[in-house]
């Protein structure tokens, strides 16, 4: 069952990439402010948040779930190890404040290739 889901997601990602590549430049220019070729890189958004005295939480995956953990500075963000998708992710050994166990979140930015009608996310790998 799990290998079937992985295969279906892989096929869907390939189809989505093909469809995005087929969108004419004129359509992108007239209808979209920005259309990335893949998932948007949130690095500059995180930089802006941290340099404007806002609270920033980033995802940290456990085996079966995701935590949203607080980072306190740009230097802390730059020091994060990268995961297998080359995304900075806090170490699981480090004790960090989890937003879902505290006050929750006011804004969530979710990079994705596409979203389903049921609000599910399709990303490049685990999503």
N, C-alpha and C. Protein backbone atom coordinates (compact mmCIF):
# COMPACT_ATOMS: atom_id res chain seq x y z
N UNK A 1 0.83 -1.20 0.00
CA UNK A 1 0.00 0.00 0.00
C UNK A 1 0.87 1.26 0.00
N UNK A 2 1.85 1.32 0.91
CA UNK A 2 2.69 2.52 1.01
C UNK A 2 3.47 2.75 -0.27
N UNK A 3 3.97 1.68 -0.89
CA UNK A 3 4.73 1.85 -2.13
C UNK A 3 3.82 2.34 -3.26
N UNK A 4 2.54 1.97 -3.23
CA UNK A 4 1.58 2.45 -4.22
C UNK A 4 1.38 3.96 -4.07
N UNK A 5 1.23 4.43 -2.84
CA UNK A 5 1.05 5.86 -2.58
C UNK A 5 2.28 6.63 -3.04
N UNK A 6 3.46 6.12 -2.71
CA UNK A 6 4.71 6.77 -3.13
C UNK A 6 4.78 6.86 -4.65
N UNK A 7 4.43 5.79 -5.33
CA UNK A 7 4.44 5.78 -6.81
C UNK A 7 3.43 6.76 -7.38
N UNK A 8 2.25 6.82 -6.79
CA UNK A 8 1.23 7.75 -7.27
C UNK A 8 1.67 9.20 -7.06
N UNK A 9 2.26 9.49 -5.89
CA UNK A 9 2.75 10.85 -5.64
C UNK A 9 3.87 11.21 -6.61
N UNK A 10 4.76 10.29 -6.87
CA UNK A 10 5.85 10.53 -7.81
C UNK A 10 5.29 10.86 -9.20
N UNK A 11 4.29 10.11 -9.64
CA UNK A 11 3.66 10.36 -10.94
C UNK A 11 2.95 11.71 -10.96
N UNK A 12 2.27 12.05 -9.85
CA UNK A 12 1.57 13.32 -9.78
C UNK A 12 2.56 14.49 -9.81
N UNK A 13 3.68 14.37 -9.10
CA UNK A 13 4.69 15.43 -9.12
C UNK A 13 5.22 15.63 -10.55
N UNK A 14 5.46 14.54 -11.25
CA UNK A 14 5.96 14.62 -12.63
C UNK A 14 4.93 15.31 -13.52
N UNK A 15 3.66 14.97 -13.36
CA UNK A 15 2.59 15.59 -14.14
C UNK A 15 2.49 17.09 -13.82
N UNK A 16 2.57 17.44 -12.54
CA UNK A 16 2.49 18.85 -12.15
C UNK A 16 3.64 19.66 -12.73
N UNK A 17 4.84 19.12 -12.68
CA UNK A 17 6.00 19.82 -13.26
C UNK A 17 5.79 20.05 -14.75
N UNK A 18 5.27 19.06 -15.43
CA UNK A 18 5.01 19.18 -16.86
C UNK A 18 3.96 20.25 -17.15
N UNK A 19 2.89 20.25 -16.38
CA UNK A 19 1.83 21.24 -16.57
C UNK A 19 2.33 22.66 -16.28
N UNK A 20 3.10 22.82 -15.22
CA UNK A 20 3.66 24.15 -14.90
C UNK A 20 4.59 24.63 -16.00
N UNK A 21 5.39 23.72 -16.53
CA UNK A 21 6.32 24.09 -17.60
C UNK A 21 5.58 24.50 -18.88
N UNK A 22 4.35 24.01 -19.05
CA UNK A 22 3.58 24.32 -20.25
C UNK A 22 2.80 25.62 -20.17
N UNK A 23 2.77 26.26 -19.00
CA UNK A 23 2.03 27.52 -18.85
C UNK A 23 2.78 28.60 -19.63
N UNK A 24 2.11 29.26 -20.56
CA UNK A 24 2.78 30.30 -21.37
C UNK A 24 3.26 31.47 -20.51
N UNK A 25 4.38 32.03 -20.88
CA UNK A 25 4.95 33.18 -20.17
C UNK A 25 3.95 34.32 -20.09
N UNK A 26 3.18 34.53 -21.16
CA UNK A 26 2.19 35.62 -21.16
C UNK A 26 1.13 35.42 -20.07
N UNK A 27 0.75 34.19 -19.82
CA UNK A 27 -0.23 33.89 -18.77
C UNK A 27 0.38 34.16 -17.40
N UNK A 28 1.60 33.72 -17.21
CA UNK A 28 2.28 33.95 -15.93
C UNK A 28 2.39 35.44 -15.67
N UNK A 29 2.80 36.20 -16.67
CA UNK A 29 2.98 37.64 -16.53
C UNK A 29 1.68 38.34 -16.21
N UNK A 30 0.59 37.94 -16.86
CA UNK A 30 -0.68 38.64 -16.67
C UNK A 30 -1.46 38.18 -15.44
N UNK A 31 -1.28 36.95 -15.00
CA UNK A 31 -2.13 36.41 -13.94
C UNK A 31 -1.41 36.13 -12.63
N UNK A 32 -0.11 36.07 -12.64
CA UNK A 32 0.61 35.69 -11.44
C UNK A 32 1.66 36.73 -11.07
N UNK A 33 1.73 37.02 -9.80
CA UNK A 33 2.81 37.89 -9.35
C UNK A 33 4.12 37.11 -9.39
N UNK A 34 4.05 35.85 -9.01
CA UNK A 34 5.24 35.02 -8.96
C UNK A 34 4.83 33.57 -9.13
N UNK A 35 5.45 32.86 -10.04
CA UNK A 35 5.19 31.44 -10.22
C UNK A 35 6.52 30.72 -10.21
N UNK A 36 6.88 30.11 -9.09
CA UNK A 36 8.15 29.42 -9.02
C UNK A 36 8.14 28.15 -9.87
N UNK A 37 9.31 27.66 -10.18
CA UNK A 37 9.41 26.41 -10.93
C UNK A 37 9.31 25.21 -10.00
N UNK A 38 9.36 25.43 -8.72
CA UNK A 38 9.22 24.39 -7.71
C UNK A 38 8.68 25.04 -6.45
N UNK A 39 8.96 24.44 -5.30
CA UNK A 39 8.51 25.04 -4.05
C UNK A 39 9.28 26.34 -3.81
N UNK A 40 8.59 27.32 -3.29
CA UNK A 40 9.21 28.62 -3.03
C UNK A 40 10.23 28.48 -1.89
N UNK A 41 11.33 29.20 -2.01
CA UNK A 41 12.35 29.22 -0.98
C UNK A 41 11.94 30.28 0.06
N UNK A 42 11.79 29.87 1.31
CA UNK A 42 11.31 30.78 2.35
C UNK A 42 12.43 31.51 3.08
N UNK A 43 13.67 31.35 2.66
CA UNK A 43 14.82 31.94 3.35
C UNK A 43 14.68 33.46 3.54
N UNK A 44 14.31 34.19 2.49
CA UNK A 44 14.19 35.64 2.60
C UNK A 44 13.01 36.05 3.48
N UNK A 45 11.96 35.25 3.47
CA UNK A 45 10.82 35.52 4.34
C UNK A 45 11.24 35.36 5.80
N UNK A 46 11.97 34.30 6.10
CA UNK A 46 12.46 34.06 7.45
C UNK A 46 13.41 35.18 7.87
N UNK A 47 14.29 35.60 6.97
CA UNK A 47 15.21 36.71 7.25
C UNK A 47 14.42 37.96 7.63
N UNK A 48 13.42 38.28 6.86
CA UNK A 48 12.60 39.47 7.11
C UNK A 48 11.90 39.37 8.48
N UNK A 49 11.32 38.24 8.76
CA UNK A 49 10.63 38.04 10.03
C UNK A 49 11.57 38.26 11.21
N UNK A 50 12.73 37.62 11.16
CA UNK A 50 13.67 37.69 12.28
C UNK A 50 14.30 39.07 12.44
N UNK A 51 14.46 39.80 11.35
CA UNK A 51 15.04 41.14 11.43
C UNK A 51 14.00 42.23 11.74
N UNK A 52 12.75 41.83 11.90
CA UNK A 52 11.70 42.78 12.24
C UNK A 52 11.03 42.42 13.57
N UNK A 53 11.81 41.78 14.42
CA UNK A 53 11.38 41.45 15.79
C UNK A 53 10.06 40.68 15.85
N UNK A 54 9.86 39.80 14.89
CA UNK A 54 8.69 38.92 14.89
C UNK A 54 9.13 37.53 15.37
N UNK A 55 8.19 36.76 15.82
CA UNK A 55 8.47 35.40 16.26
C UNK A 55 8.37 34.46 15.07
N UNK A 56 9.36 33.59 14.93
CA UNK A 56 9.40 32.69 13.77
C UNK A 56 9.54 31.24 14.23
N UNK A 57 8.70 30.39 13.67
CA UNK A 57 8.77 28.96 13.92
C UNK A 57 9.03 28.27 12.59
N UNK A 58 9.84 27.23 12.63
CA UNK A 58 10.14 26.47 11.43
C UNK A 58 9.80 25.00 11.68
N UNK A 59 9.54 24.25 10.61
CA UNK A 59 9.17 22.85 10.80
C UNK A 59 10.35 21.97 11.18
N UNK A 60 10.05 21.00 12.02
CA UNK A 60 11.01 19.95 12.37
C UNK A 60 10.24 18.63 12.35
N UNK A 61 10.66 17.74 11.47
CA UNK A 61 9.97 16.47 11.31
C UNK A 61 10.43 15.47 12.35
N UNK A 62 9.48 14.75 12.92
CA UNK A 62 9.78 13.55 13.68
C UNK A 62 9.47 12.41 12.71
N UNK A 63 9.50 11.19 13.15
CA UNK A 63 9.24 10.08 12.23
C UNK A 63 7.86 10.17 11.60
N UNK A 64 6.85 10.56 12.39
CA UNK A 64 5.47 10.53 11.91
C UNK A 64 4.75 11.86 11.95
N UNK A 65 5.40 12.89 12.44
CA UNK A 65 4.69 14.16 12.61
C UNK A 65 5.64 15.34 12.43
N UNK A 66 5.06 16.51 12.36
CA UNK A 66 5.85 17.72 12.23
C UNK A 66 5.60 18.61 13.44
N UNK A 67 6.69 19.18 13.96
CA UNK A 67 6.60 20.17 15.03
C UNK A 67 6.93 21.52 14.40
N UNK A 68 6.42 22.58 14.99
CA UNK A 68 6.79 23.93 14.59
C UNK A 68 7.58 24.52 15.75
N UNK A 69 8.90 24.65 15.58
CA UNK A 69 9.77 25.06 16.67
C UNK A 69 10.32 26.46 16.45
N UNK A 70 10.51 27.16 17.55
CA UNK A 70 10.90 28.57 17.52
C UNK A 70 12.40 28.71 17.26
N UNK A 71 12.72 29.62 16.33
CA UNK A 71 14.10 30.04 16.18
C UNK A 71 14.15 31.50 16.59
N UNK A 72 15.25 31.89 17.23
CA UNK A 72 15.31 33.20 17.87
C UNK A 72 16.11 34.24 17.10
N UNK A 73 16.93 33.80 16.15
CA UNK A 73 17.76 34.78 15.44
C UNK A 73 18.14 34.26 14.06
N UNK A 74 18.58 35.18 13.22
CA UNK A 74 19.05 34.83 11.89
C UNK A 74 20.29 33.95 11.99
N UNK A 75 21.16 34.24 12.94
CA UNK A 75 22.37 33.42 13.13
C UNK A 75 22.01 31.99 13.51
N UNK A 76 20.98 31.85 14.35
CA UNK A 76 20.51 30.51 14.71
C UNK A 76 20.00 29.78 13.47
N UNK A 77 19.24 30.50 12.63
CA UNK A 77 18.74 29.90 11.39
C UNK A 77 19.89 29.45 10.49
N UNK A 78 20.89 30.32 10.33
CA UNK A 78 22.03 30.00 9.46
C UNK A 78 22.83 28.80 9.97
N UNK A 79 22.79 28.55 11.28
CA UNK A 79 23.54 27.45 11.87
C UNK A 79 22.79 26.11 11.83
N UNK A 80 21.53 26.13 11.39
CA UNK A 80 20.75 24.89 11.37
C UNK A 80 21.35 23.88 10.40
N UNK A 81 21.39 22.61 10.79
CA UNK A 81 21.82 21.58 9.83
C UNK A 81 20.75 21.42 8.75
N UNK A 82 21.14 20.96 7.57
CA UNK A 82 20.17 20.74 6.50
C UNK A 82 19.77 19.27 6.47
N UNK A 83 18.50 19.04 6.13
CA UNK A 83 18.00 17.67 6.06
C UNK A 83 18.28 17.08 4.67
N UNK A 84 17.73 15.90 4.40
CA UNK A 84 18.03 15.24 3.12
C UNK A 84 17.43 15.96 1.91
N UNK A 85 16.53 16.92 2.13
CA UNK A 85 15.97 17.73 1.05
C UNK A 85 16.72 19.07 0.92
N UNK A 86 17.83 19.20 1.65
CA UNK A 86 18.65 20.41 1.66
C UNK A 86 17.90 21.61 2.25
N UNK A 87 17.05 21.33 3.22
CA UNK A 87 16.27 22.36 3.90
C UNK A 87 16.80 22.48 5.34
N UNK A 88 17.10 23.70 5.80
CA UNK A 88 17.53 23.85 7.19
C UNK A 88 16.45 23.36 8.14
N UNK A 89 16.87 22.50 9.07
CA UNK A 89 15.91 21.92 10.02
C UNK A 89 16.59 21.76 11.38
N UNK A 90 15.95 22.25 12.44
CA UNK A 90 16.54 22.12 13.77
C UNK A 90 16.80 20.66 14.16
N UNK A 91 17.87 20.46 14.89
CA UNK A 91 18.23 19.14 15.38
C UNK A 91 17.19 18.63 16.36
N UNK A 92 16.96 17.33 16.35
CA UNK A 92 15.99 16.74 17.27
C UNK A 92 16.55 16.66 18.70
N UNK A 93 17.86 16.76 18.84
CA UNK A 93 18.47 16.74 20.17
C UNK A 93 18.28 18.06 20.91
N UNK A 94 18.06 19.13 20.17
CA UNK A 94 17.94 20.46 20.77
C UNK A 94 16.51 20.68 21.28
N UNK A 95 16.39 21.06 22.55
CA UNK A 95 15.08 21.36 23.12
C UNK A 95 14.67 22.75 22.65
N UNK A 96 13.49 22.83 22.02
CA UNK A 96 13.02 24.10 21.46
C UNK A 96 11.53 24.26 21.75
N UNK A 97 11.11 25.50 21.84
CA UNK A 97 9.69 25.80 22.06
C UNK A 97 8.88 25.34 20.85
N UNK A 98 7.80 24.63 21.11
CA UNK A 98 6.92 24.13 20.06
C UNK A 98 5.65 24.98 20.04
N UNK A 99 5.38 25.64 18.93
CA UNK A 99 4.23 26.54 18.82
C UNK A 99 2.91 25.82 19.06
N UNK A 100 2.84 24.57 18.67
CA UNK A 100 1.59 23.83 18.81
C UNK A 100 1.31 23.44 20.25
N UNK A 101 2.32 23.59 21.13
CA UNK A 101 2.13 23.33 22.56
C UNK A 101 2.05 24.65 23.33
N UNK A 102 2.12 25.77 22.65
CA UNK A 102 2.12 27.07 23.32
C UNK A 102 0.89 27.86 22.87
N UNK A 103 1.12 28.95 22.14
CA UNK A 103 0.03 29.85 21.75
C UNK A 103 -0.53 29.58 20.36
N UNK A 104 0.06 28.66 19.63
CA UNK A 104 -0.37 28.43 18.25
C UNK A 104 0.32 29.38 17.31
N UNK A 105 -0.17 29.46 16.09
CA UNK A 105 0.45 30.27 15.05
C UNK A 105 -0.56 31.24 14.44
N UNK A 106 -0.10 32.43 14.09
CA UNK A 106 -0.97 33.42 13.45
C UNK A 106 -0.93 33.33 11.93
N UNK A 107 0.20 32.93 11.39
CA UNK A 107 0.38 32.85 9.95
C UNK A 107 1.25 31.65 9.64
N UNK A 108 0.84 30.87 8.65
CA UNK A 108 1.63 29.72 8.22
C UNK A 108 1.87 29.85 6.73
N UNK A 109 3.14 29.79 6.34
CA UNK A 109 3.51 29.81 4.92
C UNK A 109 3.89 28.38 4.56
N UNK A 110 3.16 27.82 3.61
CA UNK A 110 3.34 26.42 3.26
C UNK A 110 3.78 26.30 1.80
N UNK A 111 5.08 26.10 1.58
CA UNK A 111 5.54 25.88 0.21
C UNK A 111 5.00 24.53 -0.30
N UNK A 112 4.63 24.49 -1.56
CA UNK A 112 4.11 23.25 -2.13
C UNK A 112 4.13 23.34 -3.65
N UNK A 113 4.04 22.20 -4.29
CA UNK A 113 3.87 22.16 -5.74
C UNK A 113 2.40 22.36 -6.09
N UNK A 114 1.52 21.81 -5.22
CA UNK A 114 0.08 21.91 -5.46
C UNK A 114 -0.66 21.56 -4.19
N UNK A 115 -1.95 21.92 -4.15
CA UNK A 115 -2.83 21.57 -3.04
C UNK A 115 -4.06 20.87 -3.60
N UNK A 116 -4.54 19.87 -2.86
CA UNK A 116 -5.74 19.17 -3.27
C UNK A 116 -6.98 19.92 -2.83
N UNK A 117 -8.13 19.53 -3.36
CA UNK A 117 -9.39 20.17 -2.97
C UNK A 117 -9.67 19.98 -1.49
N UNK A 118 -9.09 18.93 -0.89
CA UNK A 118 -9.29 18.68 0.54
C UNK A 118 -8.21 19.38 1.38
N UNK A 119 -7.45 20.31 0.75
CA UNK A 119 -6.39 21.10 1.38
C UNK A 119 -5.13 20.29 1.66
N UNK A 120 -5.03 19.08 1.11
CA UNK A 120 -3.80 18.32 1.26
C UNK A 120 -2.70 18.96 0.43
N UNK A 121 -1.47 18.74 0.81
CA UNK A 121 -0.30 19.37 0.18
C UNK A 121 0.50 18.32 -0.57
N UNK A 122 0.92 18.68 -1.77
CA UNK A 122 1.85 17.86 -2.52
C UNK A 122 3.14 18.67 -2.65
N UNK A 123 4.21 18.12 -2.08
CA UNK A 123 5.51 18.79 -2.17
C UNK A 123 6.45 17.98 -3.02
N UNK A 124 7.73 18.24 -2.88
CA UNK A 124 8.72 17.52 -3.67
C UNK A 124 9.13 16.18 -3.04
N UNK A 125 8.80 15.96 -1.79
CA UNK A 125 9.30 14.74 -1.17
C UNK A 125 8.34 14.14 -0.19
N UNK A 126 8.39 14.60 1.05
CA UNK A 126 7.61 13.96 2.12
C UNK A 126 6.14 14.35 2.09
N UNK A 127 5.81 15.52 1.50
CA UNK A 127 4.44 16.02 1.51
C UNK A 127 3.52 15.32 0.58
